[in-house]
C-alpha atoms as a PDB file:
ATOM      1  CA  UNK A   1       0.000   0.000   0.000  1.00  0.00           C
ATOM      2  CA  UNK A   2       1.383   3.386  -1.039  1.00  0.00           C
ATOM      3  CA  UNK A   3       1.185   6.176   1.538  1.00  0.00           C
ATOM      4  CA  UNK A   4      -1.141   8.967   0.573  1.00  0.00           C
ATOM      5  CA  UNK A   5       0.310  12.438   0.415  1.00  0.00           C
ATOM      6  CA  UNK A   6      -2.039  15.137   1.509  1.00  0.00           C
ATOM      7  CA  UNK A   7      -1.933  18.722   0.420  1.00  0.00           C
ATOM      8  CA  UNK A   8      -3.960  21.439   1.981  1.00  0.00           C
ATOM      9  CA  UNK A   9      -4.673  24.818   0.565  1.00  0.00           C
ATOM     10  CA  UNK A  10      -4.035  27.807   2.720  1.00  0.00           C
ATOM     11  CA  UNK A  11      -5.034  31.425   2.294  1.00  0.00           C
ATOM     12  CA  UNK A  12      -3.395  32.777  -0.819  1.00  0.00           C
ATOM     13  CA  UNK A  13      -3.959  29.525  -2.746  1.00  0.00           C
ATOM     14  CA  UNK A  14      -0.628  27.998  -1.795  1.00  0.00           C
ATOM     15  CA  UNK A  15      -0.143  24.285  -1.348  1.00  0.00           C
ATOM     16  CA  UNK A  16       1.548  22.731   1.659  1.00  0.00           C
ATOM     17  CA  UNK A  17       3.668  19.730   0.898  1.00  0.00           C
ATOM     18  CA  UNK A  18       5.034  17.240   3.389  1.00  0.00           C
ATOM     19  CA  UNK A  19       8.283  19.218   3.297  1.00  0.00           C
ATOM     20  CA  UNK A  20       6.550  22.469   4.189  1.00  0.00           C
ATOM     21  CA  UNK A  21       6.871  21.833   7.912  1.00  0.00           C
ATOM     22  CA  UNK A  22      10.575  21.050   7.504  1.00  0.00           C
ATOM     23  CA  UNK A  23      11.054  24.305   5.608  1.00  0.00           C
ATOM     24  CA  UNK A  24       9.087  26.229   8.197  1.00  0.00           C
ATOM     25  CA  UNK A  25      11.129  24.733  11.023  1.00  0.00           C
ATOM     26  CA  UNK A  26      14.366  25.593   9.229  1.00  0.00           C
ATOM     27  CA  UNK A  27      13.224  29.188   8.807  1.00  0.00           C
ATOM     28  CA  UNK A  28      12.209  29.310  12.474  1.00  0.00           C
ATOM     29  CA  UNK A  29      15.678  28.079  13.492  1.00  0.00           C
ATOM     30  CA  UNK A  30      17.144  30.834  11.337  1.00  0.00           C
ATOM     31  CA  UNK A  31      14.840  33.357  13.002  1.00  0.00           C
ATOM     32  CA  UNK A  32      15.839  32.074  16.449  1.00  0.00           C
ATOM     33  CA  UNK A  33      19.509  32.588  15.555  1.00  0.00           C
ATOM     34  CA  UNK A  34      18.765  36.113  14.325  1.00  0.00           C
ATOM     35  CA  UNK A  35      16.863  36.815  17.558  1.00  0.00           C
ATOM     36  CA  UNK A  36      19.839  35.597  19.607  1.00  0.00           C
ATOM     37  CA  UNK A  37      22.096  37.974  17.681  1.00  0.00           C
ATOM     38  CA  UNK A  38      19.600  40.808  18.100  1.00  0.00           C
ATOM     39  CA  UNK A  39      19.420  40.268  21.864  1.00  0.00           C
ATOM     40  CA  UNK A  40      23.210  40.129  22.151  1.00  0.00           C
ATOM     41  CA  UNK A  41      23.442  43.333  20.114  1.00  0.00           C
ATOM     42  CA  UNK A  42      20.919  45.060  22.374  1.00  0.00           C
ATOM     43  CA  UNK A  43      22.903  43.890  25.416  1.00  0.00           C
ATOM     44  CA  UNK A  44      26.133  45.226  23.867  1.00  0.00           C
ATOM     45  CA  UNK A  45      24.417  48.561  23.196  1.00  0.00           C
ATOM     46  CA  UNK A  46      23.170  48.814  26.765  1.00  0.00           C
ATOM     47  CA  UNK A  47      26.627  47.891  28.108  1.00  0.00           C
ATOM     48  CA  UNK A  48      28.127  50.679  25.979  1.00  0.00           C
ATOM     49  CA  UNK A  49      25.502  53.075  27.331  1.00  0.00           C
ATOM     50  CA  UNK A  50      26.452  52.069  30.873  1.00  0.00           C
ATOM     51  CA  UNK A  51      30.077  52.986  30.093  1.00  0.00           C
ATOM     52  CA  UNK A  52      28.857  56.286  28.687  1.00  0.00           C
ATOM     53  CA  UNK A  53      26.901  56.825  31.916  1.00  0.00           C
ATOM     54  CA  UNK A  54      30.083  56.211  33.928  1.00  0.00           C
ATOM     55  CA  UNK A  55      31.939  58.714  31.747  1.00  0.00           C
ATOM     56  CA  UNK A  56      29.188  61.280  32.179  1.00  0.00           C
ATOM     57  CA  UNK A  57      29.256  60.794  35.946  1.00  0.00           C
ATOM     58  CA  UNK A  58      33.043  61.141  36.203  1.00  0.00           C
ATOM     59  CA  UNK A  59      33.122  64.233  33.981  1.00  0.00           C
ATOM     60  CA  UNK A  60      29.899  65.843  35.246  1.00  0.00           C
ATOM     61  CA  UNK A  61      28.188  65.650  31.865  1.00  0.00           C
ATOM     62  CA  UNK A  62      24.389  65.935  32.012  1.00  0.00           C
ATOM     63  CA  UNK A  63      22.621  62.633  31.433  1.00  0.00           C
ATOM     64  CA  UNK A  64      20.119  64.008  28.923  1.00  0.00           C
ATOM     65  CA  UNK A  65      21.611  64.930  25.565  1.00  0.00           C
ATOM     66  CA  UNK A  66      18.588  65.826  23.369  1.00  0.00           C
ATOM     67  CA  UNK A  67      20.715  66.508  20.261  1.00  0.00           C
ATOM     68  CA  UNK A  68      22.135  62.978  20.484  1.00  0.00           C
ATOM     69  CA  UNK A  69      18.629  61.474  20.618  1.00  0.00           C
ATOM     70  CA  UNK A  70      17.793  63.422  17.465  1.00  0.00           C
ATOM     71  CA  UNK A  71      20.884  62.035  15.716  1.00  0.00           C
ATOM     72  CA  UNK A  72      19.968  58.455  16.640  1.00  0.00           C
ATOM     73  CA  UNK A  73      16.344  58.893  15.533  1.00  0.00           C
ATOM     74  CA  UNK A  74      17.403  60.551  12.258  1.00  0.00           C
ATOM     75  CA  UNK A  75      19.794  57.682  11.514  1.00  0.00           C
ATOM     76  CA  UNK A  76      16.983  55.180  12.142  1.00  0.00           C
ATOM     77  CA  UNK A  77      14.660  57.144   9.825  1.00  0.00           C
ATOM     78  CA  UNK A  78      17.320  57.160   7.086  1.00  0.00           C
ATOM     79  CA  UNK A  79      17.775  53.402   7.514  1.00  0.00           C
ATOM     80  CA  UNK A  80      14.018  52.887   7.277  1.00  0.00           C
ATOM     81  CA  UNK A  81      13.798  54.871   4.058  1.00  0.00           C
ATOM     82  CA  UNK A  82      16.797  53.136   2.492  1.00  0.00           C
ATOM     83  CA  UNK A  83      15.731  49.605   3.423  1.00  0.00           C
ATOM     84  CA  UNK A  84      11.940  49.681   3.057  1.00  0.00           C
ATOM     85  CA  UNK A  85      11.388  49.319   6.797  1.00  0.00           C
ATOM     86  CA  UNK A  86       8.529  51.030   8.574  1.00  0.00           C
ATOM     87  CA  UNK A  87       9.763  54.375   9.910  1.00  0.00           C
ATOM     88  CA  UNK A  88       7.115  54.443  12.676  1.00  0.00           C
ATOM     89  CA  UNK A  89       8.247  50.959  13.755  1.00  0.00           C
ATOM     90  CA  UNK A  90      11.903  52.004  14.017  1.00  0.00           C
ATOM     91  CA  UNK A  91      10.949  55.236  15.774  1.00  0.00           C
ATOM     92  CA  UNK A  92       8.936  53.281  18.362  1.00  0.00           C
ATOM     93  CA  UNK A  93      11.728  50.721  18.747  1.00  0.00           C
ATOM     94  CA  UNK A  94      14.317  53.420  19.319  1.00  0.00           C
ATOM     95  CA  UNK A  95      12.043  55.248  21.745  1.00  0.00           C
ATOM     96  CA  UNK A  96      12.053  52.068  23.863  1.00  0.00           C
ATOM     97  CA  UNK A  97      15.804  51.595  23.502  1.00  0.00           C
ATOM     98  CA  UNK A  98      16.487  55.234  24.373  1.00  0.00           C
ATOM     99  CA  UNK A  99      14.150  55.076  27.377  1.00  0.00           C
ATOM    100  CA  UNK A 100      16.077  52.055  28.700  1.00  0.00           C
ATOM    101  CA  UNK A 101      19.362  53.817  28.028  1.00  0.00           C
ATOM    102  CA  UNK A 102      18.189  56.852  29.983  1.00  0.00           C
ATOM    103  CA  UNK A 103      17.079  54.623  32.857  1.00  0.00           C
ATOM    104  CA  UNK A 104      20.498  52.951  32.991  1.00  0.00           C
ATOM    105  CA  UNK A 105      22.452  56.205  32.737  1.00  0.00           C
ATOM    106  CA  UNK A 106      20.200  57.858  35.326  1.00  0.00           C
ATOM    107  CA  UNK A 107      20.839  55.019  37.776  1.00  0.00           C
ATOM    108  CA  UNK A 108      24.600  55.247  37.222  1.00  0.00           C
ATOM    109  CA  UNK A 109      24.843  59.021  37.377  1.00  0.00           C
ATOM    110  CA  UNK A 110      22.551  59.222  40.399  1.00  0.00           C
ATOM    111  CA  UNK A 111      24.376  56.454  42.294  1.00  0.00           C
ATOM    112  CA  UNK A 112      26.709  57.350  45.130  1.00  0.00           C
ATOM    113  CA  UNK A 113      30.410  57.206  44.181  1.00  0.00           C
END
């Protein structure tokens, strides 16, 4: 008896083959690896910001540097435009990243020596 292969249609009139799950799992593994890199990159960025906070504390530099925030946001907007990425998404992402950076620097600068 020959095994029966089943195909199901999904939205968009695509067909799923028996290998579709293998392909999906491979792409998910790739995504997981990208996520691991992304998280490590975020951690590296926050570590760098902590060093900047230490520098600001030692040299009595104010924590808030509004011009720097503008530079970071402008660079993200340029990236969005050049790479067909949603500008509002990157703005929101950087608002979160900057808020965490400010929290870290504030804690360092406000800490007793």
